[in-house]
Amino acid sequence: MWGVISAMAVPVILAGVWLIRLEGRLNTHERGCEERQKRLDERHARIEKSLDELHTKFDRLIDGRLP
Protein backbone atom coordinates (compact mmCIF):
# COMPACT_ATOMS: atom_id res chain seq x y z
CA MET A 1 0.00 0.00 0.00
CA TRP A 2 2.70 2.50 1.03
CA GLY A 3 4.77 1.49 -1.95
CA VAL A 4 1.96 2.43 -4.32
CA ILE A 5 1.38 5.76 -2.57
CA SER A 6 5.07 6.63 -2.63
CA ALA A 7 5.36 5.51 -6.25
CA MET A 8 2.58 7.95 -7.16
CA ALA A 9 3.61 10.77 -4.82
CA VAL A 10 7.19 11.10 -6.05
CA PRO A 11 6.31 11.85 -9.70
CA VAL A 12 3.55 14.26 -8.62
CA ILE A 13 5.93 16.15 -6.34
CA LEU A 14 8.63 16.23 -9.01
CA ALA A 15 6.13 17.53 -11.59
CA GLY A 16 5.09 20.29 -9.16
CA VAL A 17 8.72 21.31 -8.60
CA TRP A 18 9.34 21.29 -12.35
CA LEU A 19 6.30 23.51 -12.99
CA ILE A 20 7.36 26.00 -10.31
CA ARG A 21 10.87 26.22 -11.76
CA LEU A 22 9.45 26.59 -15.27
CA GLU A 23 7.27 29.48 -14.12
CA GLY A 24 10.32 31.18 -12.61
CA ARG A 25 12.26 30.82 -15.83
CA LEU A 26 9.37 32.22 -17.86
CA ASN A 27 9.02 35.20 -15.52
CA THR A 28 12.75 35.91 -15.76
CA HIS A 29 12.65 35.67 -19.55
CA GLU A 30 9.63 37.97 -19.74
CA ARG A 31 11.34 40.55 -17.51
CA GLY A 32 14.41 40.47 -19.76
CA CYS A 33 12.27 40.97 -22.85
CA GLU A 34 10.49 43.93 -21.25
CA GLU A 35 13.82 45.57 -20.36
CA ARG A 36 15.16 45.00 -23.87
CA GLN A 37 12.02 46.50 -25.40
CA LYS A 38 12.32 49.53 -23.11
CA ARG A 39 15.91 50.11 -24.25
CA LEU A 40 14.89 49.73 -27.89
CA ASP A 41 12.05 52.23 -27.45
CA GLU A 42 14.44 54.73 -25.85
CA ARG A 43 16.96 54.26 -28.66
CA HIS A 44 14.21 54.69 -31.24
CA ALA A 45 13.09 57.95 -29.60
CA ARG A 46 16.67 59.29 -29.61
CA ILE A 47 17.13 58.41 -33.28
CA GLU A 48 13.80 59.97 -34.17
CA LYS A 49 14.78 63.18 -32.34
CA SER A 50 18.13 63.30 -34.15
CA LEU A 51 16.43 62.83 -37.50
CA ASP A 52 13.98 65.63 -36.73
CA GLU A 53 16.90 67.93 -35.87
CA LEU A 54 18.66 66.99 -39.12
CA HIS A 55 15.50 67.69 -41.13
CA THR A 56 15.20 71.10 -39.48
CA LYS A 57 18.83 71.92 -40.28
CA PHE A 58 18.47 70.77 -43.88
CA ASP A 59 15.33 72.86 -44.27
CA ARG A 60 17.15 75.92 -42.93
CA LEU A 61 20.13 75.18 -45.20
CA ILE A 62 17.91 74.90 -48.24
CA ASP A 63 16.09 78.13 -47.33
CA GLY A 64 19.45 79.90 -46.87
CA ARG A 65 18.88 80.61 -43.19
CA LEU A 66 21.83 78.58 -41.91
CA PRO A 67 24.86 80.65 -40.92
C-alpha atoms as a PDB file:
ATOM      1  CA  MET A   1       0.000   0.000   0.000  1.00  0.00           C
ATOM      2  CA  TRP A   2       2.702   2.499   1.034  1.00  0.00           C
ATOM      3  CA  GLY A   3       4.765   1.486  -1.951  1.00  0.00           C
ATOM      4  CA  VAL A   4       1.956   2.430  -4.322  1.00  0.00           C
ATOM      5  CA  ILE A   5       1.379   5.760  -2.574  1.00  0.00           C
ATOM      6  CA  SER A   6       5.073   6.633  -2.628  1.00  0.00           C
ATOM      7  CA  ALA A   7       5.356   5.511  -6.251  1.00  0.00           C
ATOM      8  CA  MET A   8       2.576   7.955  -7.156  1.00  0.00           C
ATOM      9  CA  ALA A   9       3.608  10.768  -4.824  1.00  0.00           C
ATOM     10  CA  VAL A  10       7.193  11.096  -6.047  1.00  0.00           C
ATOM     11  CA  PRO A  11       6.311  11.852  -9.699  1.00  0.00           C
ATOM     12  CA  VAL A  12       3.549  14.257  -8.624  1.00  0.00           C
ATOM     13  CA  ILE A  13       5.931  16.146  -6.340  1.00  0.00           C
ATOM     14  CA  LEU A  14       8.632  16.226  -9.015  1.00  0.00           C
ATOM     15  CA  ALA A  15       6.133  17.527 -11.587  1.00  0.00           C
ATOM     16  CA  GLY A  16       5.094  20.288  -9.163  1.00  0.00           C
ATOM     17  CA  VAL A  17       8.716  21.305  -8.600  1.00  0.00           C
ATOM     18  CA  TRP A  18       9.338  21.287 -12.354  1.00  0.00           C
ATOM     19  CA  LEU A  19       6.299  23.512 -12.987  1.00  0.00           C
ATOM     20  CA  ILE A  20       7.360  26.002 -10.307  1.00  0.00           C
ATOM     21  CA  ARG A  21      10.866  26.222 -11.755  1.00  0.00           C
ATOM     22  CA  LEU A  22       9.452  26.592 -15.268  1.00  0.00           C
ATOM     23  CA  GLU A  23       7.268  29.479 -14.121  1.00  0.00           C
ATOM     24  CA  GLY A  24      10.321  31.183 -12.607  1.00  0.00           C
ATOM     25  CA  ARG A  25      12.260  30.820 -15.833  1.00  0.00           C
ATOM     26  CA  LEU A  26       9.375  32.223 -17.859  1.00  0.00           C
ATOM     27  CA  ASN A  27       9.019  35.202 -15.520  1.00  0.00           C
ATOM     28  CA  THR A  28      12.754  35.911 -15.757  1.00  0.00           C
ATOM     29  CA  HIS A  29      12.650  35.670 -19.547  1.00  0.00           C
ATOM     30  CA  GLU A  30       9.634  37.969 -19.737  1.00  0.00           C
ATOM     31  CA  ARG A  31      11.339  40.545 -17.506  1.00  0.00           C
ATOM     32  CA  GLY A  32      14.410  40.468 -19.755  1.00  0.00           C
ATOM     33  CA  CYS A  33      12.271  40.974 -22.845  1.00  0.00           C
ATOM     34  CA  GLU A  34      10.493  43.934 -21.254  1.00  0.00           C
ATOM     35  CA  GLU A  35      13.820  45.570 -20.356  1.00  0.00           C
ATOM     36  CA  ARG A  36      15.158  44.996 -23.872  1.00  0.00           C
ATOM     37  CA  GLN A  37      12.016  46.496 -25.396  1.00  0.00           C
ATOM     38  CA  LYS A  38      12.319  49.532 -23.112  1.00  0.00           C
ATOM     39  CA  ARG A  39      15.912  50.112 -24.252  1.00  0.00           C
ATOM     40  CA  LEU A  40      14.889  49.729 -27.892  1.00  0.00           C
ATOM     41  CA  ASP A  41      12.051  52.225 -27.447  1.00  0.00           C
ATOM     42  CA  GLU A  42      14.438  54.729 -25.846  1.00  0.00           C
ATOM     43  CA  ARG A  43      16.956  54.257 -28.664  1.00  0.00           C
ATOM     44  CA  HIS A  44      14.211  54.690 -31.241  1.00  0.00           C
ATOM     45  CA  ALA A  45      13.090  57.948 -29.596  1.00  0.00           C
ATOM     46  CA  ARG A  46      16.672  59.294 -29.610  1.00  0.00           C
ATOM     47  CA  ILE A  47      17.133  58.410 -33.283  1.00  0.00           C
ATOM     48  CA  GLU A  48      13.805  59.971 -34.171  1.00  0.00           C
ATOM     49  CA  LYS A  49      14.776  63.180 -32.339  1.00  0.00           C
ATOM     50  CA  SER A  50      18.131  63.296 -34.153  1.00  0.00           C
ATOM     51  CA  LEU A  51      16.431  62.827 -37.496  1.00  0.00           C
ATOM     52  CA  ASP A  52      13.979  65.627 -36.731  1.00  0.00           C
ATOM     53  CA  GLU A  53      16.898  67.933 -35.870  1.00  0.00           C
ATOM     54  CA  LEU A  54      18.655  66.994 -39.118  1.00  0.00           C
ATOM     55  CA  HIS A  55      15.504  67.689 -41.125  1.00  0.00           C
ATOM     56  CA  THR A  56      15.201  71.098 -39.484  1.00  0.00           C
ATOM     57  CA  LYS A  57      18.833  71.919 -40.276  1.00  0.00           C
ATOM     58  CA  PHE A  58      18.468  70.774 -43.875  1.00  0.00           C
ATOM     59  CA  ASP A  59      15.333  72.857 -44.274  1.00  0.00           C
ATOM     60  CA  ARG A  60      17.153  75.923 -42.934  1.00  0.00           C
ATOM     61  CA  LEU A  61      20.129  75.185 -45.196  1.00  0.00           C
ATOM     62  CA  ILE A  62      17.911  74.902 -48.245  1.00  0.00           C
ATOM     63  CA  ASP A  63      16.094  78.126 -47.328  1.00  0.00           C
ATOM     64  CA  GLY A  64      19.452  79.896 -46.875  1.00  0.00           C
ATOM     65  CA  ARG A  65      18.879  80.612 -43.189  1.00  0.00           C
ATOM     66  CA  LEU A  66      21.825  78.584 -41.911  1.00  0.00           C
ATOM     67  CA  PRO A  67      24.863  80.652 -40.917  1.00  0.00           C
END
